[in-house]
Amino acid sequence: MAAPITLLDGGMGRELQRMGAPFRQPEWSALALIEGPDFVRRAHAAFIAAGAAVITTNSYAIVPFHIGAARFAEAGEALADLAGRLAREAARDAAAPVVVAGSLPPLFGSYRPDLFDAERAPALLAPLVRGLAPHVDLWLAETQGSIVEVATVAAALAGDHRPLWISYTLRDEEPDAAPALRSGEPVAEAARAARRLGAQALLFNCSQPEVIGPALAEARQALVNARLPLGAYANAFPPMRKDAAANTTLSELREDLDPPGYLGFARAWVAEGATLVGGCCGIGPEHIAELRRALAA
């Protein structure tokens, strides 16, 4: 019998923009926390209504890369606390149980593991963890481009017994290349690292959907007999250059990744063993509703 599918939510930033929330670069989704937090609550509610059983806190952009070093030092922890409270309130108001995942993002820019600073990272993670901790059921280290990034997150969470989900972002400018993180590290090596670091789920996100299926297949082979749940939530972006940093500009979205088009990829991920399925940038409540109709029975 096939394993049940748990539906995740979709991309918060683009949903906030679609709703008319305060939204601009470089603050991205953090601007709504600062100027219009009710939009964040409503976005969570829309994904829950669509069928998401796991929602992710709107803390992805609460880093100096997006909100600036001075604002982060002054208000980073308070913004993380607000992001956690808004997600928890939406989960509490839901008709069915909803799990809140605390988003721990790349600290120095999406897709740029080459910019990772291991000495500075713990000081940036600490206020995020403190702010989110009272509100979340699990931790989601997402859009992580290298193994050292997730190892740093695991160290920051030492002593916290809530589950850690690790989600890597993949090289996708050459879809036919061997599956690899944006750092160039092989997916098999990254999967074994996630298991070694105590992850209770391994996912791939914020990459083109074409590269996620092969990555799941390689991870499954690397983790044979490990019983580590696998998951996927792709974005709707065109391929990104190796030197690109996500959200520095507003990327166009692919027209072929409408809800039925996205569902086709999600079916392939499930066939490769994924049991945690949702969406990243550009994937909205209408996509999650399509996944619910087709996959969640």
Protein backbone atom coordinates (compact mmCIF):
# COMPACT_ATOMS: atom_id res chain seq x y z
CA MET A 1 0.00 0.00 0.00
CA ALA A 2 1.34 3.46 -0.92
CA ALA A 3 2.49 5.68 1.93
CA PRO A 4 0.16 8.61 2.69
CA ILE A 5 1.15 11.99 1.29
CA THR A 6 1.54 14.97 3.62
CA LEU A 7 0.90 18.26 1.86
CA LEU A 8 3.10 21.26 2.56
CA ASP A 9 2.19 24.85 1.74
CA GLY A 10 3.47 26.90 -1.20
CA GLY A 11 5.59 29.98 -1.80
CA MET A 12 4.82 32.73 0.71
CA GLY A 13 6.54 35.63 -1.06
CA ARG A 14 4.71 35.38 -4.37
CA GLU A 15 1.41 34.70 -2.60
CA LEU A 16 1.83 37.88 -0.54
CA GLN A 17 2.58 39.83 -3.69
CA ARG A 18 -0.48 38.39 -5.41
CA MET A 19 -2.64 39.37 -2.43
CA GLY A 20 -1.47 42.97 -2.60
CA ALA A 21 0.61 42.86 0.57
CA PRO A 22 3.49 45.31 1.07
CA PHE A 23 6.16 43.75 -1.12
CA ARG A 24 9.40 44.97 -2.65
CA GLN A 25 13.06 44.13 -2.98
CA PRO A 26 15.20 43.61 -1.03
CA GLU A 27 12.86 42.93 1.92
CA TRP A 28 10.83 40.37 -0.05
CA SER A 29 8.35 38.52 2.20
CA ALA A 30 9.67 40.19 5.37
CA LEU A 31 8.09 43.52 4.39
CA ALA A 32 4.60 42.17 5.07
CA LEU A 33 5.68 41.23 8.59
CA ILE A 34 6.83 44.80 9.13
CA GLU A 35 4.02 46.70 7.43
CA GLY A 36 1.07 44.32 7.00
CA PRO A 37 1.18 41.22 9.19
CA ASP A 38 -2.48 40.40 8.62
CA PHE A 39 -1.58 39.57 5.03
CA VAL A 40 0.77 36.88 6.36
CA ARG A 41 -1.98 35.38 8.51
CA ARG A 42 -4.34 35.37 5.52
CA ALA A 43 -1.74 33.73 3.29
CA HIS A 44 -1.25 30.93 5.82
CA ALA A 45 -5.03 30.50 6.01
CA ALA A 46 -5.28 30.29 2.20
CA PHE A 47 -2.74 27.47 2.06
CA ILE A 48 -4.48 25.64 4.89
CA ALA A 49 -7.83 25.98 3.13
CA ALA A 50 -6.21 24.56 0.00
CA GLY A 51 -5.14 21.44 1.90
CA ALA A 52 -1.74 22.10 3.46
CA ALA A 53 -1.15 20.06 6.61
CA VAL A 54 2.24 21.72 7.22
CA ILE A 55 2.71 25.49 7.02
CA THR A 56 6.07 27.24 7.18
CA THR A 57 6.73 30.41 9.15
CA ASN A 58 7.29 33.56 7.12
CA SER A 59 10.83 33.91 8.45
CA TYR A 60 12.74 33.17 5.25
CA ALA A 61 13.68 36.79 4.59
CA ILE A 62 14.50 37.73 8.19
CA VAL A 63 18.22 37.90 7.48
CA PRO A 64 20.57 40.85 6.87
CA PHE A 65 20.68 39.94 3.17
CA HIS A 66 17.04 41.05 2.92
CA ILE A 67 16.27 43.44 5.77
CA GLY A 68 19.71 44.93 6.36
CA ALA A 69 22.20 44.40 9.17
CA ALA A 70 20.95 47.25 11.35
CA ARG A 71 17.29 46.21 11.22
CA PHE A 72 18.23 42.58 11.79
CA ALA A 73 20.26 43.47 14.88
CA GLU A 74 17.45 45.62 16.24
CA ALA A 75 14.37 43.61 15.32
CA GLY A 76 15.35 40.22 13.92
CA GLU A 77 14.27 38.22 16.95
CA ALA A 78 11.00 40.15 17.32
CA LEU A 79 10.17 39.62 13.65
CA ALA A 80 10.90 35.90 13.98
CA ASP A 81 8.61 35.79 17.01
CA LEU A 82 5.88 37.53 15.00
CA ALA A 83 6.32 35.12 12.09
CA GLY A 84 5.98 32.21 14.47
CA ARG A 85 2.92 33.63 16.21
CA LEU A 86 1.11 34.33 12.93
CA ALA A 87 1.68 30.77 11.73
CA ARG A 88 0.60 29.33 15.07
CA GLU A 89 -2.58 31.42 15.06
CA ALA A 90 -3.44 30.21 11.57
CA ALA A 91 -2.82 26.60 12.60
CA ARG A 92 -4.93 27.04 15.73
CA ASP A 93 -7.84 28.37 13.67
CA ALA A 94 -7.72 25.49 11.18
CA ALA A 95 -10.49 22.92 11.07
CA ALA A 96 -7.99 20.04 10.94
CA PRO A 97 -4.59 19.59 12.63
CA VAL A 98 -1.84 21.69 11.05
CA VAL A 99 1.86 21.45 11.85
CA VAL A 100 3.98 24.62 12.01
CA ALA A 101 7.50 24.38 10.56
CA GLY A 102 10.01 27.01 11.60
CA SER A 103 11.87 28.22 8.51
CA LEU A 104 15.62 28.60 8.97
CA PRO A 105 16.81 30.07 5.66
CA PRO A 106 20.14 30.49 3.91
CA LEU A 107 21.80 33.29 5.85
CA PHE A 108 23.86 34.99 3.15
CA GLY A 109 21.64 34.82 0.08
CA SER A 110 19.74 32.05 -1.64
CA TYR A 111 21.65 29.91 -4.15
CA ARG A 112 25.01 31.26 -2.97
CA PRO A 113 26.73 28.67 -0.77
CA ASP A 114 29.99 30.28 -1.85
CA LEU A 115 29.08 33.29 0.32
CA PHE A 116 28.47 31.22 3.46
CA ASP A 117 30.42 32.54 6.46
CA ALA A 118 30.74 29.83 9.11
CA GLU A 119 32.05 32.26 11.71
CA ARG A 120 29.13 34.70 11.40
CA ALA A 121 26.39 32.14 10.89
CA PRO A 122 25.75 31.10 14.52
CA ALA A 123 25.13 34.71 15.58
CA LEU A 124 22.58 35.10 12.80
CA LEU A 125 20.81 31.84 13.55
CA ALA A 126 20.49 32.45 17.29
CA PRO A 127 17.83 35.22 17.19
CA LEU A 128 15.82 33.32 14.59
CA VAL A 129 15.78 30.22 16.76
CA ARG A 130 14.90 32.18 19.90
CA GLY A 131 12.08 34.04 18.19
CA LEU A 132 10.53 31.03 16.50
CA ALA A 133 11.05 28.47 19.27
CA PRO A 134 7.87 29.17 21.29
CA HIS A 135 5.64 28.64 18.27
CA VAL A 136 6.91 25.83 16.03
CA ASP A 137 6.45 22.06 15.97
CA LEU A 138 9.53 21.31 13.89
CA TRP A 139 12.50 23.04 12.29
CA LEU A 140 12.87 23.35 8.53
CA ALA A 141 16.36 24.25 7.32
CA GLU A 142 15.33 25.11 3.76
CA THR A 143 16.98 26.13 0.52
CA GLN A 144 20.32 25.02 1.93
CA GLY A 145 22.99 25.00 -0.75
CA SER A 146 25.77 23.06 0.99
CA ILE A 147 26.41 20.49 3.68
CA VAL A 148 28.27 22.96 5.91
CA GLU A 149 25.14 25.14 6.03
CA VAL A 150 22.96 22.36 7.39
CA ALA A 151 25.68 21.24 9.81
CA THR A 152 25.70 24.78 11.20
CA VAL A 153 21.92 24.70 11.63
CA ALA A 154 22.08 21.35 13.40
CA ALA A 155 24.70 22.74 15.79
CA ALA A 156 22.52 25.79 16.49
CA LEU A 157 19.64 23.48 17.43
CA ALA A 158 21.68 21.26 19.75
CA GLY A 159 19.54 20.36 22.75
CA ASP A 160 16.25 21.14 20.99
CA HIS A 161 14.38 17.87 20.64
CA ARG A 162 11.89 18.92 17.97
CA PRO A 163 12.30 17.25 14.58
CA LEU A 164 14.72 18.79 12.08
CA TRP A 165 13.81 18.64 8.41
CA ILE A 166 16.65 19.43 6.00
CA SER A 167 15.81 20.72 2.54
CA TYR A 168 18.55 21.28 -0.02
CA THR A 169 18.41 23.40 -3.16
CA LEU A 170 19.85 21.86 -6.32
CA ARG A 171 21.83 22.96 -9.31
CA ASP A 172 19.28 23.31 -12.08
CA GLU A 173 20.90 25.29 -14.87
CA GLU A 174 21.78 21.97 -16.55
CA PRO A 175 18.81 19.62 -15.90
CA ASP A 176 20.56 16.60 -17.42
CA ALA A 177 23.64 16.87 -15.17
CA ALA A 178 24.16 14.52 -12.23
CA PRO A 179 22.10 15.64 -9.21
CA ALA A 180 24.11 18.01 -7.02
CA LEU A 181 23.65 20.77 -4.50
CA ARG A 182 24.36 24.31 -5.61
CA SER A 183 27.73 23.88 -3.90
CA GLY A 184 28.49 21.06 -6.34
CA GLU A 185 28.38 18.40 -3.61
CA PRO A 186 26.72 15.16 -4.80
CA VAL A 187 23.19 14.50 -3.62
CA ALA A 188 24.16 11.10 -2.22
CA GLU A 189 26.78 12.71 0.00
CA ALA A 190 24.32 15.38 1.11
CA ALA A 191 21.67 12.77 1.91
CA ARG A 192 24.04 10.79 4.09
CA ALA A 193 25.07 14.03 5.83
CA ALA A 194 21.44 14.84 6.60
CA ARG A 195 20.98 11.44 8.20
CA ARG A 196 24.22 11.81 10.17
CA LEU A 197 23.08 15.21 11.46
CA GLY A 198 19.87 13.71 12.83
CA ALA A 199 17.40 14.96 10.25
CA GLN A 200 13.98 13.35 10.47
CA ALA A 201 13.13 14.19 6.86
CA LEU A 202 15.12 15.05 3.74
CA LEU A 203 13.65 17.34 1.11
CA PHE A 204 14.63 19.28 -2.00
CA ASN A 205 13.21 22.73 -2.69
CA CYS A 206 13.50 26.01 -4.58
CA SER A 207 14.83 24.27 -7.68
CA GLN A 208 13.34 23.53 -11.05
CA PRO A 209 10.99 20.55 -10.84
CA GLU A 210 12.92 18.68 -13.55
CA VAL A 211 15.96 18.15 -11.32
CA ILE A 212 14.10 17.04 -8.21
CA GLY A 213 13.04 13.59 -9.42
CA PRO A 214 16.61 12.45 -10.13
CA ALA A 215 17.74 13.88 -6.80
CA LEU A 216 15.06 11.93 -4.95
CA ALA A 217 16.11 8.76 -6.74
CA GLU A 218 19.75 9.25 -5.79
CA ALA A 219 18.88 10.13 -2.19
CA ARG A 220 16.67 7.06 -1.87
CA GLN A 221 19.48 4.85 -3.09
CA ALA A 222 21.97 6.49 -0.71
CA LEU A 223 19.60 6.06 2.23
CA VAL A 224 18.46 2.51 1.54
CA ASN A 225 17.01 0.99 4.74
CA ALA A 226 17.29 4.35 6.53
CA ARG A 227 13.52 4.98 6.60
CA LEU A 228 14.07 8.72 6.27
CA PRO A 229 11.00 10.42 4.77
CA LEU A 230 11.66 12.24 1.51
CA GLY A 231 9.98 15.35 0.19
CA ALA A 232 9.97 17.98 -2.53
CA TYR A 233 8.70 21.48 -3.16
CA ALA A 234 9.92 23.07 -6.38
CA ASN A 235 9.79 26.65 -7.55
CA ALA A 236 8.31 27.99 -10.78
CA PHE A 237 11.40 29.92 -11.86
CA PRO A 238 13.34 29.49 -15.08
CA PRO A 239 16.92 28.20 -14.66
CA MET A 240 19.15 30.37 -12.45
CA ARG A 241 22.76 31.27 -13.23
CA LYS A 242 25.43 29.88 -10.96
CA ASP A 243 26.18 33.38 -9.65
CA ALA A 244 22.52 34.29 -9.11
CA ALA A 245 21.04 35.07 -5.71
CA ALA A 246 17.32 34.38 -5.49
CA ASN A 247 15.05 37.33 -4.76
CA THR A 248 17.52 40.03 -5.73
CA THR A 249 15.23 40.59 -8.71
CA LEU A 250 11.66 39.46 -9.33
CA SER A 251 12.02 36.46 -11.61
CA GLU A 252 9.42 35.59 -14.19
CA LEU A 253 7.36 32.46 -13.56
CA ARG A 254 7.03 29.56 -15.98
CA GLU A 255 3.68 29.40 -17.72
CA ASP A 256 3.82 25.60 -18.02
CA LEU A 257 3.81 25.19 -14.23
CA ASP A 258 0.10 25.83 -13.75
CA PRO A 259 -1.61 23.49 -11.24
CA PRO A 260 -2.02 20.56 -13.70
CA GLY A 261 1.53 21.01 -14.99
CA TYR A 262 2.97 21.08 -11.49
CA LEU A 263 0.92 18.03 -10.52
CA GLY A 264 2.63 16.05 -13.26
CA PHE A 265 6.00 16.60 -11.64
CA ALA A 266 4.60 15.91 -8.17
CA ARG A 267 3.32 12.53 -9.34
CA ALA A 268 6.84 11.68 -10.50
CA TRP A 269 8.28 12.68 -7.09
CA VAL A 270 5.79 10.45 -5.33
CA ALA A 271 6.81 7.62 -7.63
CA GLU A 272 10.41 8.20 -6.45
CA GLY A 273 9.35 7.88 -2.81
CA ALA A 274 8.41 11.41 -1.78
CA THR A 275 5.75 11.56 0.93
CA LEU A 276 6.11 15.27 1.74
CA VAL A 277 4.99 17.40 -1.21
CA GLY A 278 4.32 21.13 -1.57
CA GLY A 279 5.54 24.15 -3.46
CA CYS A 280 8.09 26.93 -3.28
CA CYS A 281 8.31 30.31 -5.06
CA GLY A 282 5.43 30.85 -7.47
CA ILE A 283 3.43 27.83 -6.30
CA GLY A 284 0.18 29.08 -4.81
CA PRO A 285 -2.89 27.75 -2.99
CA GLU A 286 -4.42 26.69 -6.30
CA HIS A 287 -1.49 24.33 -6.84
CA ILE A 288 -1.81 22.87 -3.35
CA ALA A 289 -5.55 22.35 -3.91
CA GLU A 290 -4.71 20.43 -7.11
CA LEU A 291 -2.24 18.26 -5.19
CA ARG A 292 -4.86 17.58 -2.55
CA ARG A 293 -7.42 16.47 -5.11
CA ALA A 294 -4.99 14.16 -6.86
CA LEU A 295 -2.53 12.94 -4.21
CA ALA A 296 -3.92 13.22 -0.72
CA ALA A 297 -6.68 10.62 -0.95
